[in-house]
Amino acid sequence: MPVSLSRRDFLRLSSISLLGLAFKPLPPEDQLEPIFYGRVIFVYLTVYSRPSVNGRAIALHDLETILPIYAEVEGEDAGAYNKKWYRTRGGYIHSTNVQPVLVNPNPPTSVSSLRLGEVTLPFIDAHTKPRYSATVAYRLYYSSTHWAQQSLADDKGRVWHEIWDDRFDESYYVPAVAIRLIRPDELSPISPGIKDKSILIDTTAQTITALENGQPAFKTRISSGGVFGSDKDFRTPLGDYVIDRKRPSRHMAAGDGAADDAYDLPGVPWVSYFNGGIAIHGTYWHNDYGRPWSHGCINVLPQDAKWFYRWTLPLPSADHPLVEGRGTSVIVV
């Protein structure tokens, strides 16, 4: 079952950043402060005695458990494509199995027109009415982005944001404490004076590189489209494209809910489309960058997707659900 954070942990996490990751031996856990938390994103998670799948199993945690992360360490398994492990309570967990999160509650702020916001808690339930007893429509996750269109108070004076679903044109209600409203200046263009910009996506190396005047300006790991069975080839198409539209938030959904390849993902952040429905975007449902994972899109960390959203043309916007125009070139190899 999910761990219930104490008030002390809750307040402490509000001031902890993702910076300052340690790679040296650590003192006992009772002397440690978490550098961030991890939300378990698979059915279960094994805690090992050392950073290796050959370590002794210490504990199992269920989906949605929130664990303190004390340090990042390099794993011991030779040949592993991802050697990043996290030290947590009682041992070590592999980084692919958790979403790094913070617990940053927000002061309730009133909204009277469409405003973009991001979830700053590990997760929060969106209800069909502005009260906790109402039916849960979706669970929203850390770093996902959503459009708040107005604020209401319930009978106990708690402020809720009415969230507009951009796919189904419906409304849900989320406690305002879970949503940080994004200032327009946070999306100011990056390197606007550079005319020669392009993106190179290498589906073999699983990397994306931003090029300025032909030179790398930013590079990170990705998860491109994969093959899932003999009849489910979702590999990202190779070729030359341009970014032609962008959305700072998008509810992505496809397929029959009973099918293995179905998905329903509200609030996908920082979406930059370059080939029909294929886009570069942030991902909150896995942390397994470095190998194919998607249905064709280019998955990156939310903060990296935000960087590309700001760096590319057409110009970014925090005020409009959609911006369009012939933009930055994208080469997929």
C-alpha atoms as a PDB file:
ATOM      1  CA  MET A   1       0.000   0.000   0.000  1.00  0.00           C
ATOM      2  CA  PRO A   2       1.216   3.571  -0.544  1.00  0.00           C
ATOM      3  CA  VAL A   3       3.316   5.044   2.229  1.00  0.00           C
ATOM      4  CA  SER A   4       1.626   7.835   4.179  1.00  0.00           C
ATOM      5  CA  LEU A   5       4.021  10.774   4.513  1.00  0.00           C
ATOM      6  CA  SER A   6       4.263  12.325   7.928  1.00  0.00           C
ATOM      7  CA  ARG A   7       3.676  16.066   8.338  1.00  0.00           C
ATOM      8  CA  ARG A   8       7.395  16.427   9.065  1.00  0.00           C
ATOM      9  CA  ASP A   9       8.342  14.638   5.824  1.00  0.00           C
ATOM     10  CA  PHE A  10       5.720  16.592   3.886  1.00  0.00           C
ATOM     11  CA  LEU A  11       7.046  19.969   4.997  1.00  0.00           C
ATOM     12  CA  ARG A  12      10.646  18.905   4.696  1.00  0.00           C
ATOM     13  CA  LEU A  13      10.193  17.788   1.092  1.00  0.00           C
ATOM     14  CA  SER A  14       8.744  21.148   0.125  1.00  0.00           C
ATOM     15  CA  SER A  15      12.230  22.659   0.388  1.00  0.00           C
ATOM     16  CA  ILE A  16      14.292  19.821  -1.097  1.00  0.00           C
ATOM     17  CA  SER A  17      15.542  20.106  -4.662  1.00  0.00           C
ATOM     18  CA  LEU A  18      16.703  17.436  -7.101  1.00  0.00           C
ATOM     19  CA  LEU A  19      20.218  18.850  -7.000  1.00  0.00           C
ATOM     20  CA  GLY A  20      23.135  17.703  -4.908  1.00  0.00           C
ATOM     21  CA  LEU A  21      22.996  13.976  -5.677  1.00  0.00           C
ATOM     22  CA  ALA A  22      25.586  12.071  -3.627  1.00  0.00           C
ATOM     23  CA  PHE A  23      27.879   9.299  -4.850  1.00  0.00           C
ATOM     24  CA  LYS A  24      29.905   8.754  -1.695  1.00  0.00           C
ATOM     25  CA  PRO A  25      29.286   6.472   1.291  1.00  0.00           C
ATOM     26  CA  LEU A  26      26.383   7.697   3.361  1.00  0.00           C
ATOM     27  CA  PRO A  27      25.779   7.835   7.099  1.00  0.00           C
ATOM     28  CA  PRO A  28      23.042   5.710   8.715  1.00  0.00           C
ATOM     29  CA  GLU A  29      19.519   6.318   7.429  1.00  0.00           C
ATOM     30  CA  ASP A  30      18.362   7.948  10.651  1.00  0.00           C
ATOM     31  CA  GLN A  31      20.878  10.727   9.945  1.00  0.00           C
ATOM     32  CA  LEU A  32      19.862  11.256   6.310  1.00  0.00           C
ATOM     33  CA  GLU A  33      17.590  13.712   4.595  1.00  0.00           C
ATOM     34  CA  PRO A  34      15.989  12.479   1.355  1.00  0.00           C
ATOM     35  CA  ILE A  35      17.208  14.270  -1.779  1.00  0.00           C
ATOM     36  CA  PHE A  36      13.821  13.460  -3.348  1.00  0.00           C
ATOM     37  CA  TYR A  37      11.214  10.711  -3.288  1.00  0.00           C
ATOM     38  CA  GLY A  38      10.433   7.875  -5.687  1.00  0.00           C
ATOM     39  CA  ARG A  39       6.941   6.779  -6.742  1.00  0.00           C
ATOM     40  CA  VAL A  40       6.794   3.082  -7.608  1.00  0.00           C
ATOM     41  CA  ILE A  41       5.542   2.852 -11.205  1.00  0.00           C
ATOM     42  CA  PHE A  42       5.378  -0.924 -11.713  1.00  0.00           C
ATOM     43  CA  VAL A  43       3.233  -3.602 -10.122  1.00  0.00           C
ATOM     44  CA  TYR A  44       5.849  -4.199  -7.444  1.00  0.00           C
ATOM     45  CA  LEU A  45       9.376  -3.106  -6.613  1.00  0.00           C
ATOM     46  CA  THR A  46      12.190  -5.097  -5.019  1.00  0.00           C
ATOM     47  CA  VAL A  47      14.592  -3.505  -2.560  1.00  0.00           C
ATOM     48  CA  TYR A  48      18.017  -5.181  -2.744  1.00  0.00           C
ATOM     49  CA  SER A  49      20.816  -5.353  -0.199  1.00  0.00           C
ATOM     50  CA  ARG A  50      23.221  -3.811  -2.711  1.00  0.00           C
ATOM     51  CA  PRO A  51      22.827  -2.044  -6.094  1.00  0.00           C
ATOM     52  CA  SER A  52      22.581  -5.239  -8.119  1.00  0.00           C
ATOM     53  CA  VAL A  53      19.872  -7.686  -9.162  1.00  0.00           C
ATOM     54  CA  ASN A  54      22.143 -10.310  -7.620  1.00  0.00           C
ATOM     55  CA  GLY A  55      21.764  -8.710  -4.216  1.00  0.00           C
ATOM     56  CA  ARG A  56      19.591 -10.169  -1.479  1.00  0.00           C
ATOM     57  CA  ALA A  57      15.914  -9.178  -1.660  1.00  0.00           C
ATOM     58  CA  ILE A  58      15.117  -7.039   1.389  1.00  0.00           C
ATOM     59  CA  ALA A  59      11.547  -5.917   0.759  1.00  0.00           C
ATOM     60  CA  LEU A  60       8.772  -5.616  -1.831  1.00  0.00           C
ATOM     61  CA  HIS A  61       6.703  -2.470  -2.406  1.00  0.00           C
ATOM     62  CA  ASP A  62       3.460  -2.113  -4.341  1.00  0.00           C
ATOM     63  CA  LEU A  63       2.559   0.232  -7.168  1.00  0.00           C
ATOM     64  CA  GLU A  64       2.216   3.885  -6.024  1.00  0.00           C
ATOM     65  CA  THR A  65       4.317   3.428  -2.892  1.00  0.00           C
ATOM     66  CA  ILE A  66       6.288   6.602  -2.112  1.00  0.00           C
ATOM     67  CA  LEU A  67       9.870   5.927  -0.964  1.00  0.00           C
ATOM     68  CA  PRO A  68      12.582   8.304   0.295  1.00  0.00           C
ATOM     69  CA  ILE A  69      15.624   8.475  -1.991  1.00  0.00           C
ATOM     70  CA  TYR A  70      18.874   9.203  -0.159  1.00  0.00           C
ATOM     71  CA  ALA A  71      21.426   8.969  -2.988  1.00  0.00           C
ATOM     72  CA  GLU A  72      22.116   7.954  -6.554  1.00  0.00           C
ATOM     73  CA  VAL A  73      24.756   5.258  -6.943  1.00  0.00           C
ATOM     74  CA  GLU A  74      26.280   3.303  -9.820  1.00  0.00           C
ATOM     75  CA  GLY A  75      25.087  -0.273 -10.062  1.00  0.00           C
ATOM     76  CA  GLU A  76      27.336  -3.327  -9.991  1.00  0.00           C
ATOM     77  CA  ASP A  77      25.773  -5.247 -12.896  1.00  0.00           C
ATOM     78  CA  ALA A  78      28.172  -5.474 -15.839  1.00  0.00           C
ATOM     79  CA  GLY A  79      26.657  -4.763 -19.237  1.00  0.00           C
ATOM     80  CA  ALA A  80      23.517  -3.074 -17.906  1.00  0.00           C
ATOM     81  CA  TYR A  81      22.425  -0.204 -20.187  1.00  0.00           C
ATOM     82  CA  ASN A  82      21.243   1.771 -17.164  1.00  0.00           C
ATOM     83  CA  LYS A  83      23.509   1.608 -14.143  1.00  0.00           C
ATOM     84  CA  LYS A  84      21.677   4.185 -12.028  1.00  0.00           C
ATOM     85  CA  TRP A  85      20.375   2.871  -8.703  1.00  0.00           C
ATOM     86  CA  TYR A  86      18.841   4.701  -5.754  1.00  0.00           C
ATOM     87  CA  ARG A  87      19.545   4.150  -2.097  1.00  0.00           C
ATOM     88  CA  THR A  88      16.271   4.016  -0.208  1.00  0.00           C
ATOM     89  CA  ARG A  89      14.943   2.789   3.112  1.00  0.00           C
ATOM     90  CA  GLY A  90      16.602  -0.566   3.833  1.00  0.00           C
ATOM     91  CA  GLY A  91      18.615  -0.952   0.628  1.00  0.00           C
ATOM     92  CA  TYR A  92      18.753  -0.168  -3.070  1.00  0.00           C
ATOM     93  CA  ILE A  93      16.243   0.043  -5.933  1.00  0.00           C
ATOM     94  CA  HIS A  94      16.843   0.329  -9.656  1.00  0.00           C
ATOM     95  CA  SER A  95      16.013   3.773 -11.048  1.00  0.00           C
ATOM     96  CA  THR A  96      13.837   2.452 -13.890  1.00  0.00           C
ATOM     97  CA  ASN A  97      11.220   1.292 -11.395  1.00  0.00           C
ATOM     98  CA  VAL A  98      10.360   4.652  -9.817  1.00  0.00           C
ATOM     99  CA  GLN A  99       9.427   8.161 -10.908  1.00  0.00           C
ATOM    100  CA  PRO A 100      11.550  10.794  -9.122  1.00  0.00           C
ATOM    101  CA  VAL A 101       9.137  13.151  -7.349  1.00  0.00           C
ATOM    102  CA  LEU A 102       9.024  15.946  -4.795  1.00  0.00           C
ATOM    103  CA  VAL A 103       6.280  16.878  -2.359  1.00  0.00           C
ATOM    104  CA  ASN A 104       5.728  20.583  -2.906  1.00  0.00           C
ATOM    105  CA  PRO A 105       2.285  21.810  -1.791  1.00  0.00           C
ATOM    106  CA  ASN A 106       1.174  25.169  -3.144  1.00  0.00           C
ATOM    107  CA  PRO A 107      -0.679  28.034  -1.470  1.00  0.00           C
ATOM    108  CA  PRO A 108      -4.243  28.084  -2.818  1.00  0.00           C
ATOM    109  CA  THR A 109      -4.426  30.596  -5.650  1.00  0.00           C
ATOM    110  CA  SER A 110      -7.643  31.665  -7.336  1.00  0.00           C
ATOM    111  CA  VAL A 111      -7.980  31.209 -11.109  1.00  0.00           C
ATOM    112  CA  SER A 112     -10.590  33.033 -13.185  1.00  0.00           C
ATOM    113  CA  SER A 113      -9.336  32.324 -16.715  1.00  0.00           C
ATOM    114  CA  LEU A 114      -7.392  29.579 -18.453  1.00  0.00           C
ATOM    115  CA  ARG A 115      -4.044  29.040 -16.697  1.00  0.00           C
ATOM    116  CA  LEU A 116      -1.448  26.326 -17.218  1.00  0.00           C
ATOM    117  CA  GLY A 117      -0.300  24.456 -14.122  1.00  0.00           C
ATOM    118  CA  GLU A 118       1.759  21.443 -13.131  1.00  0.00           C
ATOM    119  CA  VAL A 119       1.242  18.813 -10.448  1.00  0.00           C
ATOM    120  CA  THR A 120       3.824  19.179  -7.668  1.00  0.00           C
ATOM    121  CA  LEU A 121       2.774  16.250  -5.454  1.00  0.00           C
ATOM    122  CA  PRO A 122       3.597  12.580  -6.212  1.00  0.00           C
ATOM    123  CA  PHE A 123      -0.021  12.141  -7.300  1.00  0.00           C
ATOM    124  CA  ILE A 124      -3.445  13.632  -6.730  1.00  0.00           C
ATOM    125  CA  ASP A 125      -6.918  12.419  -7.635  1.00  0.00           C
ATOM    126  CA  ALA A 126      -9.095  14.490  -9.956  1.00  0.00           C
ATOM    127  CA  HIS A 127     -12.775  14.296  -8.997  1.00  0.00           C
ATOM    128  CA  THR A 128     -15.959  14.834 -10.979  1.00  0.00           C
ATOM    129  CA  LYS A 129     -17.094  17.408  -8.387  1.00  0.00           C
ATOM    130  CA  PRO A 130     -15.118  19.776  -6.125  1.00  0.00           C
ATOM    131  CA  ARG A 131     -15.238  17.502  -3.098  1.00  0.00           C
ATOM    132  CA  TYR A 132     -13.271  14.469  -1.921  1.00  0.00           C
ATOM    133  CA  SER A 133     -16.375  12.276  -1.747  1.00  0.00           C
ATOM    134  CA  ALA A 134     -17.057  12.677  -5.478  1.00  0.00           C
ATOM    135  CA  THR A 135     -16.124  10.041  -8.034  1.00  0.00           C
ATOM    136  CA  VAL A 136     -12.467   9.936  -9.056  1.00  0.00           C
ATOM    137  CA  ALA A 137     -12.124  10.632 -12.783  1.00  0.00           C
ATOM    138  CA  TYR A 138      -8.336  10.338 -13.076  1.00  0.00           C
ATOM    139  CA  ARG A 139      -5.228  10.160 -10.961  1.00  0.00           C
ATOM    140  CA  LEU A 140      -2.840  12.940 -11.936  1.00  0.00           C
ATOM    141  CA  TYR A 141       0.900  12.530 -11.459  1.00  0.00           C
ATOM    142  CA  TYR A 142       3.892  14.635 -10.549  1.00  0.00           C
ATOM    143  CA  SER A 143       5.176  16.835 -13.413  1.00  0.00           C
ATOM    144  CA  SER A 144       2.044  16.387 -15.533  1.00  0.00           C
ATOM    145  CA  THR A 145       0.587  19.668 -16.832  1.00  0.00           C
ATOM    146  CA  HIS A 146      -3.063  20.740 -16.920  1.00  0.00           C
ATOM    147  CA  TRP A 147      -5.286  23.703 -17.772  1.00  0.00           C
ATOM    148  CA  ALA A 148      -7.033  25.277 -14.779  1.00  0.00           C
ATOM    149  CA  GLN A 149      -9.987  27.422 -15.842  1.00  0.00           C
ATOM    150  CA  GLN A 150     -11.548  28.557 -12.571  1.00  0.00           C
ATOM    151  CA  SER A 151     -11.378  28.041  -8.804  1.00  0.00           C
ATOM    152  CA  LEU A 152     -14.099  27.094  -6.345  1.00  0.00           C
ATOM    153  CA  ALA A 153     -14.302  26.557  -2.596  1.00  0.00           C
ATOM    154  CA  ASP A 154     -15.998  23.541  -1.041  1.00  0.00           C
ATOM    155  CA  ASP A 155     -18.192  23.642   2.078  1.00  0.00           C
ATOM    156  CA  LYS A 156     -15.086  23.497   4.278  1.00  0.00           C
ATOM    157  CA  GLY A 157     -13.427  26.432   2.544  1.00  0.00           C
ATOM    158  CA  ARG A 158     -10.883  24.325   0.656  1.00  0.00           C
ATOM    159  CA  VAL A 159      -9.962  25.709  -2.765  1.00  0.00           C
ATOM    160  CA  TRP A 160     -10.285  23.502  -5.851  1.00  0.00           C
ATOM    161  CA  HIS A 161      -9.206  24.152  -9.430  1.00  0.00           C
ATOM    162  CA  GLU A 162     -11.529  23.175 -12.233  1.00  0.00           C
ATOM    163  CA  ILE A 163      -9.320  21.356 -14.758  1.00  0.00           C
ATOM    164  CA  TRP A 164     -10.247  21.424 -18.445  1.00  0.00           C
ATOM    165  CA  ASP A 165      -9.632  18.153 -20.282  1.00  0.00           C
ATOM    166  CA  ASP A 166      -8.325  19.210 -23.696  1.00  0.00           C
ATOM    167  CA  ARG A 167      -9.126  15.861 -25.323  1.00  0.00           C
ATOM    168  CA  PHE A 168     -12.674  15.182 -24.161  1.00  0.00           C
ATOM    169  CA  ASP A 169     -13.704  18.779 -23.389  1.00  0.00           C
ATOM    170  CA  GLU A 170     -14.770  17.815 -19.882  1.00  0.00           C
ATOM    171  CA  SER A 171     -13.992  19.238 -16.457  1.00  0.00           C
ATOM    172  CA  TYR A 172     -12.460  17.653 -13.353  1.00  0.00           C
ATOM    173  CA  TYR A 173     -11.641  19.116  -9.958  1.00  0.00           C
ATOM    174  CA  VAL A 174      -8.307  19.018  -8.169  1.00  0.00           C
ATOM    175  CA  PRO A 175      -7.292  20.500  -4.796  1.00  0.00           C
ATOM    176  CA  ALA A 176      -5.472  23.748  -5.544  1.00  0.00           C
ATOM    177  CA  VAL A 177      -2.657  22.738  -3.197  1.00  0.00           C
ATOM    178  CA  ALA A 178      -1.519  20.158  -5.783  1.00  0.00           C
ATOM    179  CA  ILE A 179      -1.168  22.550  -8.746  1.00  0.00           C
ATOM    180  CA  ARG A 180       1.564  25.111  -9.294  1.00  0.00           C
ATOM    181  CA  LEU A 181       0.494  27.760 -11.760  1.00  0.00           C
ATOM    182  CA  ILE A 182       3.144  28.330 -14.422  1.00  0.00           C
ATOM    183  CA  ARG A 183       4.242  31.897 -15.065  1.00  0.00           C
ATOM    184  CA  PRO A 184       4.511  32.928 -18.741  1.00  0.00           C
ATOM    185  CA  ASP A 185       8.152  33.968 -18.254  1.00  0.00           C
ATOM    186  CA  GLU A 186       9.045  30.348 -17.415  1.00  0.00           C
ATOM    187  CA  LEU A 187       8.487  29.583 -21.091  1.00  0.00           C
ATOM    188  CA  SER A 188      10.614  32.344 -22.560  1.00  0.00           C
ATOM    189  CA  PRO A 189      12.449  31.078 -25.684  1.00  0.00           C
ATOM    190  CA  ILE A 190      15.909  29.551 -25.252  1.00  0.00           C
ATOM    191  CA  SER A 191      18.622  30.840 -27.644  1.00  0.00           C
ATOM    192  CA  PRO A 192      16.152  32.905 -29.691  1.00  0.00           C
ATOM    193  CA  GLY A 193      19.001  34.600 -31.552  1.00  0.00           C
ATOM    194  CA  ILE A 194      20.278  31.340 -33.054  1.00  0.00           C
ATOM    195  CA  LYS A 195      18.844  30.903 -36.555  1.00  0.00           C
ATOM    196  CA  ASP A 196      20.387  27.521 -37.376  1.00  0.00           C
ATOM    197  CA  LYS A 197      18.704  25.048 -35.045  1.00  0.00           C
ATOM    198  CA  SER A 198      17.991  21.373 -35.653  1.00  0.00           C
ATOM    199  CA  ILE A 199      17.285  18.203 -33.677  1.00  0.00           C
ATOM    200  CA  LEU A 200      18.977  14.845 -34.243  1.00  0.00           C
ATOM    201  CA  ILE A 201      17.178  11.786 -32.858  1.00  0.00           C
ATOM    202  CA  ASP A 202      19.268   8.591 -32.902  1.00  0.00           C
ATOM    203  CA  THR A 203      16.976   5.598 -32.389  1.00  0.00           C
ATOM    204  CA  THR A 204      19.942   3.202 -32.159  1.00  0.00           C
ATOM    205  CA  ALA A 205      21.824   5.135 -29.485  1.00  0.00           C
ATOM    206  CA  GLN A 206      18.491   6.258 -27.945  1.00  0.00           C
ATOM    207  CA  THR A 207      19.571   9.884 -27.723  1.00  0.00           C
ATOM    208  CA  ILE A 208      18.259  13.281 -28.781  1.00  0.00           C
ATOM    209  CA  THR A 209      20.628  16.160 -29.541  1.00  0.00           C
ATOM    210  CA  ALA A 210      19.830  19.839 -30.023  1.00  0.00           C
ATOM    211  CA  LEU A 211      22.197  21.403 -32.572  1.00  0.00           C
ATOM    212  CA  GLU A 212      23.000  25.096 -32.815  1.00  0.00           C
ATOM    213  CA  ASN A 213      24.935  26.020 -35.954  1.00  0.00           C
ATOM    214  CA  GLY A 214      25.670  22.320 -36.326  1.00  0.00           C
ATOM    215  CA  GLN A 215      27.171  21.974 -32.832  1.00  0.00           C
ATOM    216  CA  PRO A 216      25.573  20.073 -29.908  1.00  0.00           C
ATOM    217  CA  ALA A 217      23.908  22.410 -27.422  1.00  0.00           C
ATOM    218  CA  PHE A 218      22.017  19.794 -25.402  1.00  0.00           C
ATOM    219  CA  LYS A 219      21.868  15.991 -25.436  1.00  0.00           C
ATOM    220  CA  THR A 220      19.949  13.456 -23.366  1.00  0.00           C
ATOM    221  CA  ARG A 221      18.659   9.886 -23.394  1.00  0.00           C
ATOM    222  CA  ILE A 222      15.282   9.012 -24.855  1.00  0.00           C
ATOM    223  CA  SER A 223      12.827   6.187 -25.247  1.00  0.00           C
ATOM    224  CA  SER A 224      11.693   6.010 -28.860  1.00  0.00           C
ATOM    225  CA  GLY A 225       8.987   3.813 -30.368  1.00  0.00           C
ATOM    226  CA  GLY A 226       9.352   0.084 -29.833  1.00  0.00           C
ATOM    227  CA  VAL A 227       8.205  -3.292 -31.134  1.00  0.00           C
ATOM    228  CA  PHE A 228       5.783  -5.107 -28.830  1.00  0.00           C
ATOM    229  CA  GLY A 229       5.013  -8.480 -30.366  1.00  0.00           C
ATOM    230  CA  SER A 230       4.883  -9.614 -33.977  1.00  0.00           C
ATOM    231  CA  ASP A 231       1.979  -7.322 -34.912  1.00  0.00           C
ATOM    232  CA  LYS A 232       2.767  -4.233 -32.838  1.00  0.00           C
ATOM    233  CA  ASP A 233       5.559  -2.339 -34.526  1.00  0.00           C
ATOM    234  CA  PHE A 234       5.552   1.218 -33.153  1.00  0.00           C
ATOM    235  CA  ARG A 235       9.104   2.169 -34.100  1.00  0.00           C
ATOM    236  CA  THR A 236       9.602   5.888 -34.662  1.00  0.00           C
ATOM    237  CA  PRO A 237       9.704   6.490 -38.444  1.00  0.00           C
ATOM    238  CA  LEU A 238      13.084   7.545 -39.789  1.00  0.00           C
ATOM    239  CA  GLY A 239      13.393  10.637 -41.948  1.00  0.00           C
ATOM    240  CA  ASP A 240      13.477  14.429 -42.036  1.00  0.00           C
ATOM    241  CA  TYR A 241      10.661  16.425 -40.441  1.00  0.00           C
ATOM    242  CA  VAL A 242       9.878  19.785 -38.851  1.00  0.00           C
ATOM    243  CA  ILE A 243       8.089  20.662 -35.636  1.00  0.00           C
ATOM    244  CA  ASP A 244       4.778  22.091 -36.828  1.00  0.00           C
ATOM    245  CA  ARG A 245       2.711  22.415 -33.651  1.00  0.00           C
ATOM    246  CA  LYS A 246       3.159  22.319 -29.894  1.00  0.00           C
ATOM    247  CA  ARG A 247       1.007  21.831 -26.826  1.00  0.00           C
ATOM    248  CA  PRO A 248       2.181  22.531 -23.261  1.00  0.00           C
ATOM    249  CA  SER A 249      -0.302  19.878 -22.090  1.00  0.00           C
ATOM    250  CA  ARG A 250      -2.072  17.071 -23.906  1.00  0.00           C
ATOM    251  CA  HIS A 251      -4.391  14.272 -22.837  1.00  0.00           C
ATOM    252  CA  MET A 252      -3.086  11.358 -24.904  1.00  0.00           C
ATOM    253  CA  ALA A 253      -5.244   8.262 -25.316  1.00  0.00           C
ATOM    254  CA  ALA A 254      -5.564   5.419 -27.800  1.00  0.00           C
ATOM    255  CA  GLY A 255      -6.871   1.889 -28.120  1.00  0.00           C
ATOM    256  CA  ASP A 256      -9.424  -0.273 -26.370  1.00  0.00           C
ATOM    257  CA  GLY A 257      -8.897  -0.215 -22.625  1.00  0.00           C
ATOM    258  CA  ALA A 258      -8.768  -4.027 -22.622  1.00  0.00           C
ATOM    259  CA  ALA A 259      -5.944  -4.156 -25.184  1.00  0.00           C
ATOM    260  CA  ASP A 260      -2.297  -4.549 -24.217  1.00  0.00           C
ATOM    261  CA  ASP A 261      -1.283  -1.451 -26.161  1.00  0.00           C
ATOM    262  CA  ALA A 262      -4.058   0.842 -24.897  1.00  0.00           C
ATOM    263  CA  TYR A 263      -3.188   3.985 -22.965  1.00  0.00           C
ATOM    264  CA  ASP A 264      -4.998   6.926 -21.399  1.00  0.00           C
ATOM    265  CA  LEU A 265      -2.620   9.610 -20.136  1.00  0.00           C
ATOM    266  CA  PRO A 266      -3.967  13.011 -19.069  1.00  0.00           C
ATOM    267  CA  GLY A 267      -1.627  15.967 -18.811  1.00  0.00           C
ATOM    268  CA  VAL A 268       1.315  14.762 -20.916  1.00  0.00           C
ATOM    269  CA  PRO A 269       3.726  17.713 -20.588  1.00  0.00           C
ATOM    270  CA  TRP A 270       5.560  19.813 -23.172  1.00  0.00           C
ATOM    271  CA  VAL A 271       4.539  18.185 -26.430  1.00  0.00           C
ATOM    272  CA  SER A 272       6.340  19.129 -29.663  1.00  0.00           C
ATOM    273  CA  TYR A 273       4.865  17.370 -32.734  1.00  0.00           C
ATOM    274  CA  PHE A 274       7.029  16.679 -35.777  1.00  0.00           C
ATOM    275  CA  ASN A 275       5.332  13.846 -37.717  1.00  0.00           C
ATOM    276  CA  GLY A 276       1.559  13.749 -37.458  1.00  0.00           C
ATOM    277  CA  GLY A 277       0.792  12.474 -33.969  1.00  0.00           C
ATOM    278  CA  ILE A 278       4.434  11.681 -33.192  1.00  0.00           C
ATOM    279  CA  ALA A 279       6.073  14.112 -30.803  1.00  0.00           C
ATOM    280  CA  ILE A 280       8.817  14.824 -28.314  1.00  0.00           C
ATOM    281  CA  HIS A 281       7.198  14.982 -24.872  1.00  0.00           C
ATOM    282  CA  GLY A 282       7.722  14.522 -21.167  1.00  0.00           C
ATOM    283  CA  THR A 283       6.908  11.196 -19.522  1.00  0.00           C
ATOM    284  CA  TYR A 284       5.679  10.436 -16.020  1.00  0.00           C
ATOM    285  CA  TRP A 285       4.704   6.765 -16.434  1.00  0.00           C
ATOM    286  CA  HIS A 286       8.196   5.319 -16.775  1.00  0.00           C
ATOM    287  CA  ASN A 287      11.799   6.163 -15.931  1.00  0.00           C
ATOM    288  CA  ASP A 288      13.434   3.715 -18.327  1.00  0.00           C
ATOM    289  CA  TYR A 289      15.212   5.997 -20.786  1.00  0.00           C
ATOM    290  CA  GLY A 290      17.822   4.415 -23.001  1.00  0.00           C
ATOM    291  CA  ARG A 291      15.679   1.799 -24.702  1.00  0.00           C
ATOM    292  CA  PRO A 292      12.526   1.841 -26.908  1.00  0.00           C
ATOM    293  CA  TRP A 293       9.337   2.148 -24.887  1.00  0.00           C
ATOM    294  CA  SER A 294       6.752   4.251 -26.681  1.00  0.00           C
ATOM    295  CA  HIS A 295       4.097   4.010 -29.398  1.00  0.00           C
ATOM    296  CA  GLY A 296       6.273   6.083 -31.724  1.00  0.00           C
ATOM    297  CA  CYS A 297       6.843   9.261 -29.754  1.00  0.00           C
ATOM    298  CA  ILE A 298      10.123  10.401 -28.238  1.00  0.00           C
ATOM    299  CA  ASN A 299       9.885  10.089 -24.439  1.00  0.00           C
ATOM    300  CA  VAL A 300      12.193  12.272 -22.356  1.00  0.00           C
ATOM    301  CA  LEU A 301      12.242  13.513 -18.779  1.00  0.00           C
ATOM    302  CA  PRO A 302       9.648  16.270 -18.231  1.00  0.00           C
ATOM    303  CA  GLN A 303      12.309  18.905 -17.552  1.00  0.00           C
ATOM    304  CA  ASP A 304      14.089  17.957 -20.805  1.00  0.00           C
ATOM    305  CA  ALA A 305      10.827  18.096 -22.772  1.00  0.00           C
ATOM    306  CA  LYS A 306      10.245  21.577 -21.345  1.00  0.00           C
ATOM    307  CA  TRP A 307      13.713  22.611 -22.534  1.00  0.00           C
ATOM    308  CA  PHE A 308      12.973  21.458 -26.095  1.00  0.00           C
ATOM    309  CA  TYR A 309       9.528  23.089 -25.936  1.00  0.00           C
ATOM    310  CA  ARG A 310      11.199  26.430 -25.148  1.00  0.00           C
ATOM    311  CA  TRP A 311      14.157  26.003 -27.526  1.00  0.00           C
ATOM    312  CA  THR A 312      12.280  25.042 -30.688  1.00  0.00           C
ATOM    313  CA  LEU A 313      10.057  26.912 -33.110  1.00  0.00           C
ATOM    314  CA  PRO A 314       7.178  27.665 -33.335  1.00  0.00           C
ATOM    315  CA  LEU A 315       7.493  29.956 -30.336  1.00  0.00           C
ATOM    316  CA  PRO A 316       6.330  28.446 -27.023  1.00  0.00           C
ATOM    317  CA  SER A 317       3.261  29.635 -25.165  1.00  0.00           C
ATOM    318  CA  ALA A 318       1.863  29.255 -21.647  1.00  0.00           C
ATOM    319  CA  ASP A 319      -1.391  30.946 -22.633  1.00  0.00           C
ATOM    320  CA  HIS A 320      -2.638  28.865 -25.559  1.00  0.00           C
ATOM    321  CA  PRO A 321      -3.428  25.133 -25.680  1.00  0.00           C
ATOM    322  CA  LEU A 322      -1.996  24.917 -29.206  1.00  0.00           C
ATOM    323  CA  VAL A 323       0.617  26.836 -31.204  1.00  0.00           C
ATOM    324  CA  GLU A 324       1.215  26.095 -34.882  1.00  0.00           C
ATOM    325  CA  GLY A 325       3.713  27.050 -37.569  1.00  0.00           C
ATOM    326  CA  ARG A 326       6.631  25.663 -39.537  1.00  0.00           C
ATOM    327  CA  GLY A 327       9.379  25.236 -36.987  1.00  0.00           C
ATOM    328  CA  THR A 328      12.649  23.559 -36.127  1.00  0.00           C
ATOM    329  CA  SER A 329      13.887  20.686 -38.288  1.00  0.00           C
ATOM    330  CA  VAL A 330      13.993  17.158 -36.854  1.00  0.00           C
ATOM    331  CA  ILE A 331      16.139  14.365 -38.272  1.00  0.00           C
ATOM    332  CA  VAL A 332      15.403  10.814 -37.129  1.00  0.00           C
ATOM    333  CA  VAL A 333      18.080   8.177 -37.853  1.00  0.00           C
END
